[in-house]
Amino acid sequence: MILVHLPRTAGVTLTSILDSQYGRVIRLQGEPLPDRFGSGDGLGPPARALAGHMPFGLHESLGTPCAYLTLLRDPVERIESHYRWVLSHPESPHHAELASNRMNTREYVERHSAARFFNNGQTRLLGGTWADYRRTPTAATLRTAKRNLEGFSCVGMTRRFDESMLIMRQRLNWSWPFYERRNAAPVESFEPIDEETREAIARRNRLDIELWRWAEERFEAHVGRLGKEFVDELEVFRALNARPGREERMAAGRA
């Protein structure tokens, strides 16, 4: 199982669910390291899942077919969350430039030196390769991203997180995917962005907007076909997941 973790899409929370489902998840950052994935890496039994901010295509380095998962997010919401997270985390490599120049959200997407990476970042990772994912994405990258997503085991939506987890449960034979929200960007100390800022973000994330809308339409159509049984299961899942304490929720799921 490979999770292409698109930044600021609830991928940390999903990775914690993979931990509970597969027992061991290797977190990746940067270039693939195939020699770490076997039983001889000194880290325990072979990993059954991998996750990280990486482009599609890790299965080629592994030399074996793999199932893929990802979550997509409204690009304006994703960039807004990205800005808030970077501003509140000095350890981020993007923080110093943002803070020293006192950039607001619009300036962040227009002027930050890393903007070419986080703008259209979902298209870039899903439609690129290990050789070229740092390049500016194009319409061809978008077409490749759509083609790649068609082969994923599940493409979830951040704003429909619970529904996404239940679909993954059905397709991948998971136990109840209980979770606690992880690594969320702060919201209390930030004012909502204005319409001009939203438009500025949208202009620089046109490819991501098209990709997200395309994927969301497919997701909503699938949910619509699942019917009342799925709606009832969703209600049960949310009720169980709301119980205090992870251990209690896991015990409830096994009951």
Protein backbone atom coordinates (compact mmCIF):
# COMPACT_ATOMS: atom_id res chain seq x y z
CA MET A 1 0.00 0.00 0.00
CA ILE A 2 1.38 3.41 -0.97
CA LEU A 3 -0.10 6.69 0.22
CA VAL A 4 0.80 9.66 -1.95
CA HIS A 5 0.50 12.23 0.81
CA LEU A 6 -0.36 15.55 -0.78
CA PRO A 7 0.59 18.28 1.73
CA ARG A 8 -2.25 19.76 3.81
CA THR A 9 -4.87 17.19 2.80
CA ALA A 10 -5.20 15.31 6.15
CA GLY A 11 -2.51 12.85 5.11
CA VAL A 12 -0.99 12.70 8.60
CA THR A 13 -4.33 11.58 9.98
CA LEU A 14 -4.69 9.01 7.20
CA THR A 15 -1.15 7.75 7.85
CA SER A 16 -2.10 7.13 11.50
CA ILE A 17 -5.01 5.03 10.22
CA LEU A 18 -2.63 3.07 8.01
CA ASP A 19 -0.55 2.41 11.14
CA SER A 20 -3.55 0.79 12.80
CA GLN A 21 -4.53 -1.18 9.69
CA TYR A 22 -1.12 -2.45 8.58
CA GLY A 23 0.97 -2.46 11.73
CA ARG A 24 3.90 -0.66 10.21
CA VAL A 25 4.15 2.29 7.83
CA ILE A 26 7.43 3.63 6.49
CA ARG A 27 7.35 7.41 6.16
CA LEU A 28 9.25 8.67 3.14
CA GLN A 29 10.55 12.11 2.33
CA GLY A 30 12.57 12.81 -0.80
CA GLU A 31 14.02 10.20 -3.13
CA PRO A 32 12.87 6.57 -2.90
CA LEU A 33 15.05 4.17 -0.94
CA PRO A 34 13.98 0.68 -2.03
CA ASP A 35 16.52 -1.11 0.19
CA ARG A 36 14.64 0.09 3.27
CA PHE A 37 11.46 -1.77 2.42
CA GLY A 38 12.44 -5.38 2.94
CA SER A 39 12.74 -7.49 6.05
CA GLY A 40 16.49 -6.93 6.21
CA ASP A 41 16.40 -3.24 7.08
CA GLY A 42 16.76 -3.86 10.82
CA LEU A 43 13.47 -2.12 11.56
CA GLY A 44 11.29 -5.16 12.08
CA PRO A 45 9.07 -7.17 9.73
CA PRO A 46 8.57 -6.03 6.15
CA ALA A 47 6.52 -2.87 5.82
CA ARG A 48 3.08 -3.33 4.34
CA ALA A 49 2.50 0.39 3.73
CA LEU A 50 4.50 3.45 2.72
CA ALA A 51 3.51 7.09 2.90
CA GLY A 52 5.10 10.41 2.11
CA HIS A 53 5.16 13.69 0.19
CA MET A 54 6.30 12.05 -3.03
CA PRO A 55 5.25 11.75 -6.65
CA PHE A 56 3.35 8.81 -8.06
CA GLY A 57 5.52 5.95 -9.28
CA LEU A 58 7.23 4.42 -6.25
CA HIS A 59 6.05 0.97 -7.35
CA GLU A 60 8.54 1.18 -10.22
CA SER A 61 11.43 1.39 -7.74
CA LEU A 62 9.98 -1.48 -5.72
CA GLY A 63 9.62 -3.64 -8.80
CA THR A 64 6.20 -4.92 -7.76
CA PRO A 65 2.56 -3.90 -8.26
CA CYS A 66 1.23 -1.75 -5.43
CA ALA A 67 -2.12 -0.32 -4.41
CA TYR A 68 -2.25 3.47 -4.16
CA LEU A 69 -4.27 5.84 -2.01
CA THR A 70 -4.49 9.61 -1.80
CA LEU A 71 -6.68 12.45 -0.58
CA LEU A 72 -7.44 15.55 -2.63
CA ARG A 73 -8.45 18.92 -1.20
CA ASP A 74 -10.07 22.10 -2.52
CA PRO A 75 -6.93 23.92 -3.77
CA VAL A 76 -7.88 27.27 -2.22
CA GLU A 77 -8.48 25.61 1.15
CA ARG A 78 -5.26 23.64 0.81
CA ILE A 79 -3.11 26.70 0.09
CA GLU A 80 -4.78 28.66 2.90
CA SER A 81 -4.03 25.78 5.28
CA HIS A 82 -0.47 25.57 3.94
CA TYR A 83 0.13 29.24 4.68
CA ARG A 84 -1.26 28.97 8.21
CA TRP A 85 0.75 25.87 9.00
CA VAL A 86 4.03 27.33 7.72
CA LEU A 87 3.49 30.61 9.55
CA SER A 88 2.87 28.81 12.85
CA HIS A 89 5.77 26.31 12.49
CA PRO A 90 9.22 27.95 12.58
CA GLU A 91 10.83 24.61 11.79
CA SER A 92 9.27 24.66 8.31
CA PRO A 93 11.84 25.41 5.58
CA HIS A 94 9.39 27.99 4.19
CA HIS A 95 8.85 29.85 7.47
CA ALA A 96 11.86 32.19 7.60
CA GLU A 97 11.18 33.81 4.23
CA LEU A 98 7.47 34.13 4.97
CA ALA A 99 7.97 35.62 8.44
CA SER A 100 10.90 37.93 7.64
CA ASN A 101 8.96 39.48 4.75
CA ARG A 102 5.68 39.51 6.71
CA MET A 103 3.86 37.95 3.81
CA ASN A 104 0.11 37.63 3.84
CA THR A 105 -1.57 34.70 2.10
CA ARG A 106 -1.72 36.42 -1.28
CA GLU A 107 1.94 37.44 -1.15
CA TYR A 108 2.82 33.89 -0.12
CA VAL A 109 1.33 32.37 -3.28
CA GLU A 110 2.63 35.15 -5.53
CA ARG A 111 6.13 35.91 -4.21
CA HIS A 112 7.49 33.12 -2.00
CA SER A 113 10.45 31.32 -3.56
CA ALA A 114 8.76 27.95 -2.96
CA ALA A 115 5.46 28.99 -4.56
CA ARG A 116 6.30 27.10 -7.75
CA PHE A 117 6.28 23.91 -5.67
CA PHE A 118 3.17 24.34 -3.54
CA ASN A 119 1.03 26.03 -6.22
CA ASN A 120 -0.56 23.26 -8.31
CA GLY A 121 1.20 20.88 -5.93
CA GLN A 122 -1.44 18.16 -6.17
CA THR A 123 -1.12 17.97 -9.94
CA ARG A 124 2.67 18.10 -9.70
CA LEU A 125 2.95 15.08 -7.41
CA LEU A 126 0.21 12.99 -9.00
CA GLY A 127 1.22 13.71 -12.59
CA GLY A 128 4.99 13.90 -12.27
CA THR A 129 7.67 11.27 -11.91
CA TRP A 130 10.69 10.91 -9.66
CA ALA A 131 12.76 12.40 -12.49
CA ASP A 132 10.69 15.50 -13.23
CA TYR A 133 8.25 16.23 -10.40
CA ARG A 134 10.13 19.40 -9.44
CA ARG A 135 9.32 20.95 -12.81
CA THR A 136 6.42 23.35 -13.21
CA PRO A 137 3.31 21.28 -14.01
CA THR A 138 1.57 21.73 -17.35
CA ALA A 139 -1.65 20.64 -19.02
CA ALA A 140 0.16 17.42 -19.91
CA THR A 141 0.95 16.87 -16.23
CA LEU A 142 -2.74 17.29 -15.45
CA ARG A 143 -3.69 14.67 -18.04
CA THR A 144 -1.15 12.27 -16.57
CA ALA A 145 -2.42 12.93 -13.05
CA LYS A 146 -5.97 12.03 -14.07
CA ARG A 147 -4.76 8.88 -15.79
CA ASN A 148 -2.75 7.87 -12.73
CA LEU A 149 -5.67 8.48 -10.37
CA GLU A 150 -7.88 6.19 -12.43
CA GLY A 151 -5.65 3.32 -11.30
CA PHE A 152 -5.69 4.18 -7.58
CA SER A 153 -7.49 1.86 -5.17
CA CYS A 154 -9.16 4.89 -3.65
CA VAL A 155 -9.07 8.64 -4.17
CA GLY A 156 -10.65 10.35 -1.17
CA MET A 157 -11.70 13.91 -0.49
CA THR A 158 -10.42 15.81 2.54
CA ARG A 159 -13.76 17.56 3.05
CA ARG A 160 -15.48 14.15 2.90
CA PHE A 161 -12.92 12.44 5.11
CA ASP A 162 -15.26 10.04 6.92
CA GLU A 163 -16.89 8.89 3.71
CA SER A 164 -13.45 8.42 2.19
CA MET A 165 -12.34 6.24 5.10
CA LEU A 166 -15.39 4.01 4.80
CA ILE A 167 -14.86 3.57 1.07
CA MET A 168 -11.24 2.60 1.78
CA ARG A 169 -12.53 0.19 4.42
CA GLN A 170 -14.83 -1.47 1.91
CA ARG A 171 -12.29 -1.70 -0.89
CA LEU A 172 -9.32 -2.74 1.22
CA ASN A 173 -11.04 -4.95 3.81
CA TRP A 174 -10.06 -2.72 6.73
CA SER A 175 -11.32 -2.86 10.28
CA TRP A 176 -13.09 0.30 11.47
CA PRO A 177 -10.72 3.18 10.52
CA PHE A 178 -11.02 5.12 13.78
CA TYR A 179 -8.88 8.23 14.04
CA GLU A 180 -7.99 11.37 15.88
CA ARG A 181 -7.31 14.47 13.85
CA ARG A 182 -3.56 15.10 13.44
CA ASN A 183 -1.37 18.03 12.38
CA ALA A 184 -4.23 20.43 11.66
CA ALA A 185 -3.33 24.03 10.81
CA PRO A 186 -4.47 26.63 13.37
CA VAL A 187 -7.62 28.52 12.50
CA GLU A 188 -8.62 30.48 15.60
CA SER A 189 -6.03 33.24 15.23
CA PHE A 190 -6.58 33.81 11.50
CA GLU A 191 -9.18 35.90 9.74
CA PRO A 192 -10.96 34.32 6.74
CA ILE A 193 -9.28 35.23 3.47
CA ASP A 194 -10.98 37.84 1.30
CA GLU A 195 -12.31 37.30 -2.20
CA GLU A 196 -9.30 38.91 -3.90
CA THR A 197 -6.98 36.51 -2.11
CA ARG A 198 -9.16 33.55 -3.05
CA GLU A 199 -9.01 34.65 -6.69
CA ALA A 200 -5.23 35.08 -6.51
CA ILE A 201 -4.85 31.55 -5.16
CA ALA A 202 -7.21 30.18 -7.80
CA ARG A 203 -5.30 31.86 -10.64
CA ARG A 204 -2.09 30.14 -9.57
CA ASN A 205 -3.71 26.77 -8.95
CA ARG A 206 -5.84 26.32 -12.08
CA LEU A 207 -4.50 22.83 -12.76
CA ASP A 208 -5.21 21.71 -9.21
CA ILE A 209 -8.72 23.15 -9.36
CA GLU A 210 -9.48 21.19 -12.52
CA LEU A 211 -7.98 18.01 -11.06
CA TRP A 212 -9.87 18.39 -7.78
CA ARG A 213 -13.20 19.09 -9.48
CA TRP A 214 -12.75 16.12 -11.80
CA ALA A 215 -11.93 13.81 -8.88
CA GLU A 216 -14.67 15.22 -6.66
CA GLU A 217 -17.32 14.64 -9.33
CA ARG A 218 -16.26 11.01 -9.61
CA PHE A 219 -16.19 10.64 -5.81
CA GLU A 220 -19.66 12.12 -5.33
CA ALA A 221 -21.09 9.92 -8.07
CA HIS A 222 -19.67 6.84 -6.35
CA VAL A 223 -21.05 7.86 -2.94
CA GLY A 224 -24.43 8.45 -4.53
CA ARG A 225 -24.48 4.89 -5.85
CA LEU A 226 -23.81 3.39 -2.40
CA GLY A 227 -27.27 4.26 -1.14
CA LYS A 228 -28.89 4.17 2.30
CA GLU A 229 -26.79 1.30 3.66
CA PHE A 230 -23.68 3.44 3.30
CA VAL A 231 -25.39 6.42 4.95
CA ASP A 232 -26.36 4.21 7.90
CA GLU A 233 -22.83 2.83 8.18
CA LEU A 234 -21.44 6.37 8.11
CA GLU A 235 -23.69 7.34 11.02
CA VAL A 236 -22.51 4.35 13.04
CA PHE A 237 -18.87 5.07 12.25
CA ARG A 238 -19.13 8.70 13.33
CA ALA A 239 -20.87 7.75 16.56
CA LEU A 240 -18.21 5.16 17.42
CA ASN A 241 -15.35 7.46 16.44
CA ALA A 242 -16.71 10.24 18.67
CA ARG A 243 -16.36 8.13 21.80
CA PRO A 244 -13.58 9.43 24.05
CA GLY A 245 -10.26 7.62 23.90
CA ARG A 246 -8.69 5.68 21.04
CA GLU A 247 -8.55 2.40 22.97
CA GLU A 248 -12.27 2.53 23.66
CA ARG A 249 -13.04 3.24 20.02
CA MET A 250 -10.85 0.37 18.86
CA ALA A 251 -12.51 -1.98 21.34
CA ALA A 252 -15.92 -0.84 20.09
CA GLY A 253 -14.88 -1.53 16.53
CA ARG A 254 -13.81 -5.08 17.40
CA ALA A 255 -17.01 -5.82 19.31
